[in-house]
Protein backbone atom coordinates (compact mmCIF):
# COMPACT_ATOMS: atom_id res chain seq x y z
CA MET A 1 14.35 -34.85 12.50
CA THR A 2 13.11 -31.33 13.31
CA VAL A 3 11.19 -29.02 10.98
CA ALA A 4 14.24 -26.76 10.81
CA GLN A 5 16.33 -29.70 9.61
CA LEU A 6 13.74 -30.80 7.05
CA PHE A 7 13.10 -27.26 5.84
CA PRO A 8 16.08 -25.01 6.48
CA LYS A 9 15.52 -21.26 6.30
CA LEU A 10 15.23 -20.05 2.72
CA GLU A 11 18.14 -17.80 1.79
CA ILE A 12 17.80 -16.16 -1.63
CA PRO A 13 21.06 -14.48 -2.70
CA GLU A 14 21.49 -11.03 -4.19
CA THR A 15 21.06 -11.28 -7.95
CA ILE A 16 21.21 -8.94 -10.92
CA ALA A 17 17.71 -8.99 -12.35
CA ALA A 18 18.82 -8.42 -15.95
CA GLY A 19 15.77 -9.88 -17.64
CA PRO A 20 12.52 -8.47 -19.02
CA GLY A 21 11.10 -8.00 -15.52
CA PRO A 22 10.60 -7.95 -12.62
CA GLY A 23 13.45 -5.53 -12.18
CA ASN A 24 15.62 -4.73 -9.20
CA THR A 25 13.47 -2.86 -6.69
CA ASP A 26 14.81 0.45 -5.44
CA ALA A 27 16.12 0.25 -1.86
CA ARG A 28 13.85 3.16 -0.91
CA VAL A 29 10.80 1.16 -2.00
CA LEU A 30 11.92 -1.88 -0.02
CA ALA A 31 12.48 0.34 3.01
CA ALA A 32 8.97 1.78 2.66
CA PHE A 33 7.54 -1.73 2.46
CA SER A 34 9.36 -3.08 5.51
CA GLY A 35 9.03 0.17 7.45
CA ALA A 36 5.24 0.40 7.38
CA GLY A 37 4.35 0.22 11.06
CA ILE A 38 0.76 -0.92 10.83
CA ALA A 39 -1.21 -3.73 9.22
CA ASP A 40 -4.60 -2.01 9.54
CA HIS A 41 -5.59 -1.35 5.92
CA MET A 42 -8.30 1.15 6.98
CA HIS A 43 -5.96 3.35 9.01
CA GLY A 44 -6.13 7.04 8.08
CA ASP A 45 -2.54 7.21 6.81
CA VAL A 46 -3.08 4.14 4.63
CA LEU A 47 -6.21 5.69 3.12
CA ARG A 48 -4.35 8.96 2.55
CA GLY A 49 -1.62 6.99 0.80
CA MET A 50 -4.20 5.38 -1.49
CA VAL A 51 -5.63 8.79 -2.41
CA GLU A 52 -2.17 10.12 -3.18
CA CYS A 53 -1.28 7.00 -5.20
CA LYS A 54 -4.41 7.55 -7.27
CA LEU A 55 -3.45 11.16 -7.95
CA MET A 56 0.18 10.30 -8.73
CA LEU A 57 -0.93 7.56 -11.11
CA ARG A 58 -2.88 10.10 -13.16
CA GLN A 59 0.35 12.05 -13.59
CA VAL A 60 2.39 8.96 -14.44
CA TRP A 61 -0.18 7.81 -17.03
CA GLY A 62 -0.62 11.35 -18.33
CA THR A 63 -4.40 11.36 -18.06
CA GLU A 64 -7.50 13.10 -16.82
CA ASN A 65 -9.31 9.75 -16.57
CA ILE A 66 -11.05 9.68 -13.21
CA HIS A 67 -11.07 5.87 -13.25
CA THR A 68 -7.31 5.56 -12.74
CA PHE A 69 -6.16 3.40 -9.83
CA GLY A 70 -4.16 0.33 -8.80
CA VAL A 71 -5.29 -3.29 -8.83
CA ALA A 72 -3.87 -5.53 -6.11
CA GLY A 73 -1.58 -8.08 -7.75
CA THR A 74 0.77 -8.36 -10.71
CA GLY A 75 0.31 -7.05 -14.23
CA TRP A 76 -1.94 -10.01 -15.03
CA SER A 77 -4.37 -8.76 -12.39
CA GLY A 78 -4.51 -5.35 -14.05
CA LEU A 79 -5.00 -6.93 -17.47
CA ASP A 80 -7.78 -9.15 -16.16
CA VAL A 81 -9.58 -6.08 -14.83
CA MET A 82 -9.24 -4.31 -18.17
CA PHE A 83 -10.42 -7.32 -20.19
CA SER A 84 -13.36 -7.91 -17.84
CA ALA A 85 -15.49 -5.55 -19.94
CA ILE A 86 -15.38 -8.06 -22.82
CA MET A 87 -18.50 -10.19 -22.63
CA PRO A 88 -19.42 -13.49 -24.32
CA GLY A 89 -20.17 -12.91 -27.98
CA ASP A 90 -18.40 -9.54 -28.17
CA LYS A 91 -16.56 -9.07 -31.46
CA VAL A 92 -12.87 -8.49 -30.79
CA VAL A 93 -9.68 -8.18 -32.88
CA VAL A 94 -6.47 -9.07 -31.05
CA PHE A 95 -2.95 -8.48 -32.36
CA ASN A 96 -0.38 -11.11 -31.39
CA ASN A 97 3.35 -10.69 -32.01
CA GLY A 98 4.86 -12.46 -29.02
CA THR A 99 4.37 -14.48 -25.87
CA PHE A 100 2.48 -11.92 -23.82
CA SER A 101 0.23 -10.51 -26.49
CA GLY A 102 -0.52 -14.18 -27.18
CA ILE A 103 -1.61 -14.68 -23.57
CA ASP A 104 -3.64 -11.47 -23.81
CA GLY A 105 -5.33 -13.08 -26.80
CA LEU A 106 -6.08 -16.23 -24.83
CA THR A 107 -7.59 -14.12 -22.04
CA VAL A 108 -9.79 -12.32 -24.56
CA ARG A 109 -10.89 -15.61 -26.11
CA MET A 110 -11.88 -16.92 -22.68
CA LYS A 111 -13.84 -13.73 -21.94
CA ALA A 112 -15.58 -13.57 -25.33
CA ALA A 113 -16.42 -17.26 -25.66
CA THR A 114 -20.03 -18.27 -25.22
CA ALA A 115 -20.81 -21.01 -22.71
CA ALA A 116 -20.97 -23.55 -25.53
CA GLU A 117 -17.69 -22.37 -27.08
CA LEU A 118 -15.92 -22.45 -23.73
CA ALA A 119 -17.20 -25.95 -23.01
CA LEU A 120 -15.76 -27.25 -26.29
CA ASN A 121 -12.23 -26.29 -25.23
CA PRO A 122 -12.11 -24.66 -21.77
CA LEU A 123 -8.36 -23.99 -21.74
CA ASP A 124 -8.04 -22.80 -25.33
CA PRO A 125 -11.43 -21.68 -26.65
CA LYS A 126 -11.88 -20.58 -30.25
CA PRO A 127 -14.87 -18.20 -30.17
CA ALA A 128 -16.26 -17.18 -33.54
CA SER A 129 -16.42 -13.55 -32.42
CA VAL A 130 -12.66 -13.18 -31.85
CA VAL A 131 -10.14 -12.59 -34.64
CA VAL A 132 -6.48 -13.06 -33.72
CA VAL A 133 -4.08 -11.31 -36.11
CA ASP A 134 -0.79 -13.20 -35.83
CA VAL A 135 2.28 -11.12 -36.63
CA PRO A 136 5.64 -12.95 -36.98
CA HIS A 137 7.97 -13.05 -33.99
CA GLY A 138 10.36 -10.10 -34.11
CA VAL A 139 8.01 -7.93 -36.19
CA SER A 140 6.12 -4.94 -34.80
CA VAL A 141 2.39 -4.41 -35.24
CA THR A 142 1.94 -1.44 -37.61
CA GLY A 143 -0.87 1.03 -38.00
CA GLY A 144 -1.50 -0.39 -41.46
CA MET A 145 -2.07 -3.86 -40.03
CA VAL A 146 -4.54 -2.46 -37.51
CA GLU A 147 -6.38 -0.39 -40.14
CA GLU A 148 -6.78 -3.39 -42.43
CA ALA A 149 -8.08 -5.69 -39.67
CA LEU A 150 -10.53 -3.20 -38.19
CA ALA A 151 -11.88 -2.20 -41.60
CA ARG A 152 -12.47 -5.84 -42.48
CA HIS A 153 -13.89 -7.19 -39.22
CA LYS A 154 -15.58 -4.12 -37.65
CA PRO A 155 -15.21 -5.27 -34.01
CA LYS A 156 -16.44 -3.70 -30.78
CA TRP A 157 -13.01 -4.02 -29.14
CA ALA A 158 -9.40 -4.12 -30.39
CA CYS A 159 -6.50 -5.27 -28.19
CA MET A 160 -2.75 -4.78 -28.57
CA ALA A 161 0.38 -4.79 -26.44
CA HIS A 162 2.21 -1.47 -26.54
CA TRP A 163 5.60 -3.09 -25.91
CA GLU A 164 5.76 -6.85 -26.53
CA THR A 165 8.35 -8.13 -24.05
CA GLY A 166 8.30 -11.63 -25.52
CA SER A 167 10.08 -10.45 -28.66
CA GLY A 168 11.28 -7.02 -27.56
CA ARG A 169 9.22 -5.13 -30.12
CA ILE A 170 7.44 -1.78 -29.83
CA ASN A 171 4.05 -1.74 -31.56
CA ASP A 172 2.54 1.31 -33.25
CA ILE A 173 0.33 2.83 -30.56
CA ARG A 174 -0.40 5.96 -32.60
CA GLY A 175 -1.54 3.95 -35.60
CA PHE A 176 -3.58 1.66 -33.34
CA SER A 177 -5.38 4.59 -31.67
CA GLU A 178 -6.10 6.37 -34.95
CA ALA A 179 -7.50 3.23 -36.58
CA CYS A 180 -9.72 2.63 -33.54
CA GLU A 181 -11.03 6.20 -33.81
CA ARG A 182 -11.73 5.90 -37.54
CA HIS A 183 -13.72 2.69 -37.09
CA ASP A 184 -15.37 3.60 -33.76
CA VAL A 185 -13.68 0.67 -32.02
CA MET A 186 -12.76 0.74 -28.34
CA GLY A 187 -9.05 0.03 -28.01
CA LEU A 188 -7.56 -1.85 -25.07
CA VAL A 189 -3.80 -1.68 -24.52
CA ASP A 190 -1.39 -3.85 -22.54
CA ALA A 191 1.18 -1.29 -21.32
CA VAL A 192 2.85 -3.65 -18.85
CA SER A 193 6.32 -3.04 -20.29
CA SER A 194 6.06 0.58 -21.45
CA LEU A 195 4.64 2.50 -18.47
CA GLY A 196 7.44 4.25 -16.62
CA VAL A 197 9.91 3.52 -19.42
CA GLU A 198 8.61 5.31 -22.53
CA ASP A 199 7.66 8.97 -22.51
CA PHE A 200 3.99 9.00 -23.50
CA ARG A 201 0.65 10.35 -22.27
CA ILE A 202 -2.35 8.11 -22.67
CA ASP A 203 -4.70 11.05 -23.24
CA ASP A 204 -2.84 11.61 -26.52
CA PHE A 205 -4.39 8.35 -27.80
CA PRO A 206 -8.18 8.89 -27.75
CA GLY A 207 -8.91 5.66 -29.62
CA VAL A 208 -7.74 3.69 -26.58
CA HIS A 209 -10.28 3.37 -23.77
CA GLY A 210 -8.58 0.90 -21.44
CA TRP A 211 -4.97 0.69 -20.27
CA ALA A 212 -3.31 -1.80 -17.94
CA SER A 213 0.25 -2.07 -16.64
CA CYS A 214 2.18 -3.66 -13.77
CA PRO A 215 4.08 -2.57 -10.66
CA GLN A 216 7.33 -4.50 -11.12
CA LYS A 217 8.73 -3.23 -14.44
CA GLY A 218 8.83 0.47 -15.30
CA ILE A 219 7.37 1.50 -11.94
CA CYS A 220 10.12 -0.53 -10.23
CA CYS A 221 8.03 -1.64 -7.27
CA LEU A 222 7.66 -4.94 -5.51
CA PRO A 223 5.62 -7.60 -7.32
CA LEU A 224 2.22 -8.12 -5.74
CA THR A 225 1.65 -4.46 -4.94
CA TYR A 226 -0.63 -2.62 -7.40
CA ALA A 227 -1.05 -2.87 -11.16
CA PRO A 228 -1.89 0.57 -12.62
CA VAL A 229 -5.02 0.78 -14.80
CA SER A 230 -6.89 3.65 -16.41
CA PHE A 231 -10.28 3.75 -18.13
CA THR A 232 -12.17 6.40 -20.08
CA ASP A 233 -15.71 7.44 -19.29
CA ARG A 234 -16.89 5.59 -22.42
CA TYR A 235 -15.34 2.34 -21.16
CA ILE A 236 -17.07 2.72 -17.80
CA GLU A 237 -20.43 3.59 -19.37
CA THR A 238 -20.15 0.55 -21.64
CA LEU A 239 -19.40 -1.63 -18.62
CA LYS A 240 -22.41 -0.23 -16.76
CA LYS A 241 -24.67 -1.30 -19.63
CA THR A 242 -23.29 -4.81 -20.11
CA GLY A 243 -22.07 -5.73 -16.65
CA THR A 244 -19.30 -8.23 -16.17
CA ARG A 245 -19.08 -11.68 -14.63
CA THR A 246 -16.46 -10.94 -12.01
CA PHE A 247 -16.48 -9.57 -8.49
CA VAL A 248 -12.85 -9.26 -7.45
CA HIS A 249 -11.71 -7.78 -10.79
CA HIS A 250 -14.72 -5.57 -11.42
CA PRO A 251 -13.37 -2.16 -12.61
CA ILE A 252 -16.18 -0.11 -11.05
CA MET A 253 -16.04 -1.93 -7.70
CA GLU A 254 -12.24 -1.70 -7.62
CA ALA A 255 -12.48 2.04 -8.32
CA ARG A 256 -14.89 2.51 -5.41
CA HIS A 257 -12.27 1.20 -3.01
CA TRP A 258 -9.93 3.96 -4.25
CA GLY A 259 -12.54 6.63 -3.59
CA ILE A 260 -13.86 6.87 -7.16
CA ILE A 261 -17.66 6.67 -7.10
CA ASP A 262 -20.12 7.74 -9.80
CA GLY A 263 -17.35 9.39 -11.79
CA LYS A 264 -16.10 11.54 -8.93
CA ASP A 265 -13.35 11.51 -6.32
CA VAL A 266 -14.90 11.14 -2.89
CA GLU A 267 -13.43 11.51 0.59
CA LYS A 268 -13.54 7.83 1.46
CA GLY A 269 -13.87 4.72 -0.66
CA THR A 270 -16.09 1.72 0.00
CA TYR A 271 -14.78 -1.68 1.00
CA HIS A 272 -14.10 -4.08 -1.86
CA ARG A 273 -11.06 -6.10 -0.80
CA THR A 274 -8.47 -6.05 1.94
CA HIS A 275 -5.53 -3.88 0.96
CA SER A 276 -2.05 -4.20 2.42
CA ALA A 277 -0.64 -1.22 4.27
CA TYR A 278 2.84 -2.47 3.38
CA ALA A 279 2.00 -2.63 -0.32
CA VAL A 280 0.42 0.84 -0.27
CA SER A 281 3.56 2.26 1.36
CA ALA A 282 5.87 0.65 -1.20
CA PHE A 283 3.70 1.62 -4.16
CA HIS A 284 3.46 5.20 -2.90
CA GLU A 285 7.23 5.48 -2.67
CA ALA A 286 7.76 3.95 -6.11
CA LEU A 287 5.39 6.49 -7.65
CA ARG A 288 7.11 9.34 -5.79
CA ILE A 289 10.46 8.25 -7.18
CA THR A 290 9.01 8.01 -10.69
CA LEU A 291 7.59 11.53 -10.55
CA GLN A 292 10.71 12.96 -8.91
CA GLN A 293 12.84 11.66 -11.74
CA GLY A 294 10.21 12.52 -14.35
CA ILE A 295 8.99 10.27 -17.14
CA PRO A 296 10.82 12.19 -19.93
CA ALA A 297 14.12 12.03 -18.02
CA ARG A 298 13.70 8.35 -17.22
CA ALA A 299 12.84 7.52 -20.82
CA LYS A 300 15.96 9.34 -21.97
CA GLU A 301 18.09 7.36 -19.49
CA TYR A 302 16.69 4.05 -20.75
CA ALA A 303 17.44 4.95 -24.37
CA PHE A 304 20.94 6.10 -23.41
CA HIS A 305 21.94 2.91 -21.61
CA GLU A 306 20.16 0.48 -23.95
CA ALA A 307 22.10 1.93 -26.88
CA ALA A 308 25.37 1.21 -25.07
CA LEU A 309 24.36 -2.36 -24.19
CA ARG A 310 23.18 -2.98 -27.75
CA ARG A 311 26.49 -1.78 -29.19
CA ALA A 312 28.50 -3.93 -26.78
CA VAL A 313 26.66 -7.21 -27.46
CA ARG A 314 26.93 -6.59 -31.19
CA ALA A 315 30.68 -6.32 -30.69
CA MET A 316 30.49 -9.86 -29.30
CA GLY A 317 29.03 -11.08 -32.60
CA CYS A 318 25.38 -11.12 -31.45
CA GLU A 319 22.50 -9.98 -33.66
CA VAL A 320 20.00 -7.67 -31.92
CA THR A 321 16.41 -7.93 -33.15
CA SER A 322 14.54 -5.79 -30.58
CA ASN A 323 13.73 -2.08 -30.52
CA MET A 324 12.64 -1.61 -26.89
CA THR A 325 14.78 0.62 -24.67
CA SER A 326 14.53 -1.51 -21.51
CA LEU A 327 15.38 -4.84 -23.13
CA VAL A 328 17.83 -6.22 -25.70
CA VAL A 329 16.71 -9.37 -27.51
CA LEU A 330 19.50 -11.06 -29.43
CA ASN A 331 20.71 -14.09 -31.34
CA LEU A 332 23.95 -15.64 -30.13
CA PRO A 333 26.97 -15.87 -32.43
CA SER A 334 26.58 -18.67 -34.98
CA GLU A 335 28.98 -21.04 -33.17
CA LEU A 336 26.66 -21.00 -30.13
CA ALA A 337 23.33 -21.13 -31.95
CA GLY A 338 20.94 -23.60 -30.31
CA ARG A 339 22.59 -23.29 -26.89
CA GLU A 340 20.56 -20.34 -25.64
CA MET A 341 18.92 -22.18 -22.73
CA GLU A 342 22.25 -23.59 -21.62
CA LEU A 343 23.75 -20.11 -21.53
CA VAL A 344 20.79 -18.67 -19.61
CA GLN A 345 20.97 -21.42 -16.98
CA SER A 346 24.71 -20.91 -16.62
CA CYS A 347 24.20 -17.18 -16.04
CA ARG A 348 21.43 -17.78 -13.49
CA ALA A 349 23.72 -20.13 -11.60
CA GLN A 350 26.06 -17.13 -11.25
CA ASN A 351 23.22 -14.92 -9.91
CA PHE A 352 23.03 -13.12 -13.24
CA GLY A 353 19.35 -13.27 -14.15
CA ILE A 354 18.92 -13.07 -17.91
CA TRP A 355 16.07 -14.80 -19.77
CA PRO A 356 15.36 -16.71 -22.95
CA THR A 357 12.36 -15.86 -25.08
CA LEU A 358 9.40 -18.03 -24.13
CA SER A 359 8.31 -18.81 -27.68
CA ALA A 360 10.13 -19.81 -30.86
CA PRO A 361 12.61 -18.89 -32.07
CA VAL A 362 14.55 -19.11 -28.79
CA GLN A 363 16.60 -15.97 -28.24
CA ILE A 364 18.37 -14.28 -25.31
CA ARG A 365 16.75 -11.37 -23.45
CA ILE A 366 18.87 -8.96 -21.40
CA GLY A 367 16.98 -6.26 -19.51
CA ILE A 368 18.10 -3.08 -17.76
CA LEU A 369 15.09 -2.25 -15.56
CA ASN A 370 16.28 0.08 -12.78
CA LEU A 371 19.90 -0.58 -13.82
CA LEU A 372 20.48 2.84 -15.31
CA THR A 373 24.15 3.48 -14.57
CA ARG A 374 27.27 3.03 -16.63
CA ALA A 375 28.68 0.76 -13.92
CA ALA A 376 25.63 -1.52 -14.01
CA ILE A 377 25.66 -1.80 -17.81
CA THR A 378 29.40 -2.46 -17.81
CA ASP A 379 28.92 -5.22 -15.24
CA ILE A 380 26.18 -6.81 -17.38
CA VAL A 381 28.40 -6.67 -20.47
CA HIS A 382 31.34 -8.28 -18.68
CA ARG A 383 29.18 -11.04 -17.20
CA PHE A 384 27.60 -11.82 -20.56
CA ALA A 385 30.99 -11.89 -22.29
CA ASP A 386 32.31 -14.27 -19.62
CA ALA A 387 29.28 -16.54 -20.13
CA ILE A 388 29.94 -16.74 -23.87
CA ARG A 389 33.60 -17.55 -23.25
CA ALA A 390 32.66 -20.23 -20.69
CA MET A 391 30.67 -22.01 -23.40
CA GLY A 392 33.60 -21.97 -25.80
CA GLY A 393 32.64 -18.84 -27.71
CA THR A 394 35.12 -16.19 -28.75
CA VAL A 395 34.86 -12.65 -27.45
CA ASP A 396 37.36 -9.93 -28.28
CA GLY A 397 37.42 -8.11 -24.96
CA ALA A 398 39.24 -5.06 -26.32
CA ARG A 399 36.70 -4.68 -29.11
CA VAL A 400 33.80 -4.94 -26.69
CA GLU A 401 35.31 -2.38 -24.31
CA GLU A 402 35.95 -0.05 -27.22
CA ALA A 403 32.35 -0.36 -28.40
CA LEU A 404 30.94 0.19 -24.91
CA ASN A 405 33.13 3.19 -24.14
CA ALA A 406 32.51 4.71 -27.56
CA ALA A 407 28.75 4.44 -27.07
CA TYR A 408 28.92 6.30 -23.76
CA ASP A 409 31.53 8.84 -24.82
CA GLN A 410 29.69 9.73 -28.02
CA ALA A 411 26.36 10.04 -26.24
CA ILE A 412 27.88 12.28 -23.56
CA ALA A 413 29.60 14.43 -26.21
CA ALA A 414 26.32 14.81 -28.10
CA GLU A 415 24.73 16.30 -25.01
């Protein structure tokens, strides 16, 4: 038997990526990726692209931070770079209200654990210097919660997700930043799900000194391109004093590769890791598209279409518990309660990629990343209604259509 017979060519069909992310990549970004004509990562055009990506990222983030650049990899790579400044024994308060802020907390506990604490439980350390504030699933972190925790524990660092994709909740970034300022705490924010979706400028939140996001959600780029990060001068100066036990994910060394040395933009960066010309090309195009559309306009589009989707699934008898504008998190009608995973798998089998929540209670997550048209939302609604019917649920099609059309017609009339 030949290799071709044992391992036939992998054919992955077209799907609707209607989950929390990654989203459907824009065809222009895919064309930029496949159309890059050179693999030499030190070619002049590649280096020019990296400089322009760096400058565009400052506009997308809304910042004057010189240490703003992309980290090769997914959002977890960007987060690992940001958290690398946390050293063993550092006092940290982490806010957890879902799957991903929970993993952020685990990362922080691994970074802050002493050698002895890490040895006691290498995969789930419990360092004495880290306080995890657990907030119930489906509840947002408030400024009051942050104020109370920082006043009580007086940490060096505080960490929070801006948008918690695990439960679909937006956390109070203004309250977080202000509490960090009052208590002279350096805030670190996971903006994986909010960058490119919500209209905000990070320089408006001076209590936050480190930000990390991802390429494949709001920026709508290929996974494994570049995760956007941004750090204040205070963060970098702190890192210079303490050092960090990483080479690949060292913020200062990563910045040097992007031509950021000693707090200044320079003509040419220094080698730190091999970059992909294809990834630079795709990332560059994704950032161009983001800036061409404009963050305020894109944020408005997300709010517009999420409101329509929310109204339609409620007309199916679902309860929506999220408040993000790129993702609807819902409970199924009572007659289908407990069958969430079955419904998700059925939808995936039809190339309709929705997701369950990854922690209890199990809910359904329907995302609209880069699906910002009435036709796309209508298609999602019809597919989800069909999935409920296929499981024996009841959906009043006329009622759903009325709710969907009313949401769009009212929003258009309001404009």
